[in-house]
Amino acid sequence: MPEKRPIHLLTATEVRLLIDQCSRRAPTGVRDAALIGVLYRGGLRISEALTLYARDLNRERGTLRIHCGKGHKPRTVGLDTTAFGLVDR
């Protein structure tokens, strides 16, 4: 069995620096900033984020519905206004 390594979590400052490196004009930069924000704020796995649709966001409730999470189980996570702001852009 492979040895488990400790998980390295990014700080809020490190995430902000990543988002700041994304272009604010190019569609891919705007997309990347939103993806980073949703991953960080929602605690998503990359596989979960890659299967999202706009309909999975519920701004009124401040939630994001993940249909196929770990173990193929659905779950709902909360997102704050910062993450929604990045997605809206």
Protein backbone atom coordinates (compact mmCIF):
# COMPACT_ATOMS: atom_id res chain seq x y z
CA MET A 1 0.00 0.00 0.00
CA PRO A 2 1.46 3.40 -0.95
CA GLU A 3 2.60 5.69 1.83
CA LYS A 4 0.15 8.51 2.57
CA ARG A 5 1.61 11.98 2.40
CA PRO A 6 0.34 14.88 4.47
CA ILE A 7 -2.13 17.13 2.69
CA HIS A 8 -0.91 20.63 1.93
CA LEU A 9 -3.74 23.14 2.13
CA LEU A 10 -3.43 26.50 0.45
CA THR A 11 -3.91 29.59 2.55
CA ALA A 12 -6.43 32.27 1.60
CA THR A 13 -3.50 34.48 0.54
CA GLU A 14 -2.11 31.77 -1.74
CA VAL A 15 -5.50 31.27 -3.36
CA ARG A 16 -5.90 35.03 -3.86
CA LEU A 17 -2.47 35.12 -5.56
CA LEU A 18 -3.55 32.29 -7.89
CA ILE A 19 -6.77 34.09 -8.79
CA ASP A 20 -4.91 37.35 -9.34
CA GLN A 21 -2.71 35.61 -11.92
CA CYS A 22 -5.76 34.79 -14.07
CA SER A 23 -6.58 37.18 -16.89
CA ARG A 24 -9.58 39.40 -16.20
CA ARG A 25 -10.22 39.89 -19.92
CA ALA A 26 -9.63 36.55 -21.61
CA PRO A 27 -12.55 34.12 -21.25
CA THR A 28 -10.17 31.37 -20.15
CA GLY A 29 -8.75 33.56 -17.39
CA VAL A 30 -12.20 34.47 -16.10
CA ARG A 31 -13.16 30.79 -16.22
CA ASP A 32 -9.99 29.72 -14.39
CA ALA A 33 -10.52 32.30 -11.64
CA ALA A 34 -14.09 31.07 -11.11
CA LEU A 35 -12.92 27.45 -11.05
CA ILE A 36 -10.22 28.17 -8.47
CA GLY A 37 -12.69 30.10 -6.32
CA VAL A 38 -15.33 27.37 -6.41
CA LEU A 39 -12.77 24.64 -5.71
CA TYR A 40 -11.40 26.50 -2.71
CA ARG A 41 -14.59 27.96 -1.24
CA GLY A 42 -16.66 24.82 -1.76
CA GLY A 43 -13.98 22.27 -0.87
CA LEU A 44 -14.55 20.44 -4.15
CA ARG A 45 -12.47 17.72 -5.68
CA ILE A 46 -11.32 18.49 -9.22
CA SER A 47 -13.42 15.63 -10.61
CA GLU A 48 -16.51 17.16 -8.97
CA ALA A 49 -15.80 20.62 -10.36
CA LEU A 50 -15.30 19.33 -13.88
CA THR A 51 -18.82 17.86 -13.97
CA LEU A 52 -20.66 21.01 -12.83
CA TYR A 53 -23.33 22.82 -14.80
CA ALA A 54 -24.72 26.32 -14.27
CA ARG A 55 -27.99 24.75 -13.10
CA ASP A 56 -26.12 23.22 -10.13
CA LEU A 57 -25.66 26.69 -8.60
CA ASN A 58 -28.42 28.07 -6.40
CA ARG A 59 -27.63 31.70 -5.63
CA GLU A 60 -30.77 32.17 -3.52
CA ARG A 61 -29.75 29.43 -1.13
CA GLY A 62 -26.00 29.96 -1.53
CA THR A 63 -25.44 26.34 -2.46
CA LEU A 64 -23.86 24.18 -5.10
CA ARG A 65 -25.19 20.70 -5.88
CA ILE A 66 -22.62 18.02 -6.69
CA HIS A 67 -24.20 15.03 -8.37
CA CYS A 68 -21.33 12.56 -8.34
CA GLY A 69 -18.99 13.09 -5.40
CA LYS A 70 -16.68 10.66 -3.67
CA GLY A 71 -18.20 7.20 -3.72
CA HIS A 72 -20.61 8.40 -6.43
CA LYS A 73 -22.73 10.09 -3.76
CA PRO A 74 -24.46 13.42 -4.35
CA ARG A 75 -23.92 16.26 -1.91
CA THR A 76 -24.67 19.94 -1.48
CA VAL A 77 -22.06 22.47 -0.40
CA GLY A 78 -22.33 26.09 0.58
CA LEU A 79 -20.66 28.87 -1.38
CA ASP A 80 -20.10 32.42 -0.21
CA THR A 81 -20.61 35.65 -2.13
CA THR A 82 -16.93 35.73 -3.14
CA ALA A 83 -17.25 32.46 -5.04
CA PHE A 84 -20.55 33.51 -6.61
CA GLY A 85 -18.97 36.82 -7.63
CA LEU A 86 -16.20 35.00 -9.49
CA VAL A 87 -18.74 32.77 -11.21
CA ASP A 88 -20.94 35.74 -12.16
CA ARG A 89 -18.00 37.50 -13.78
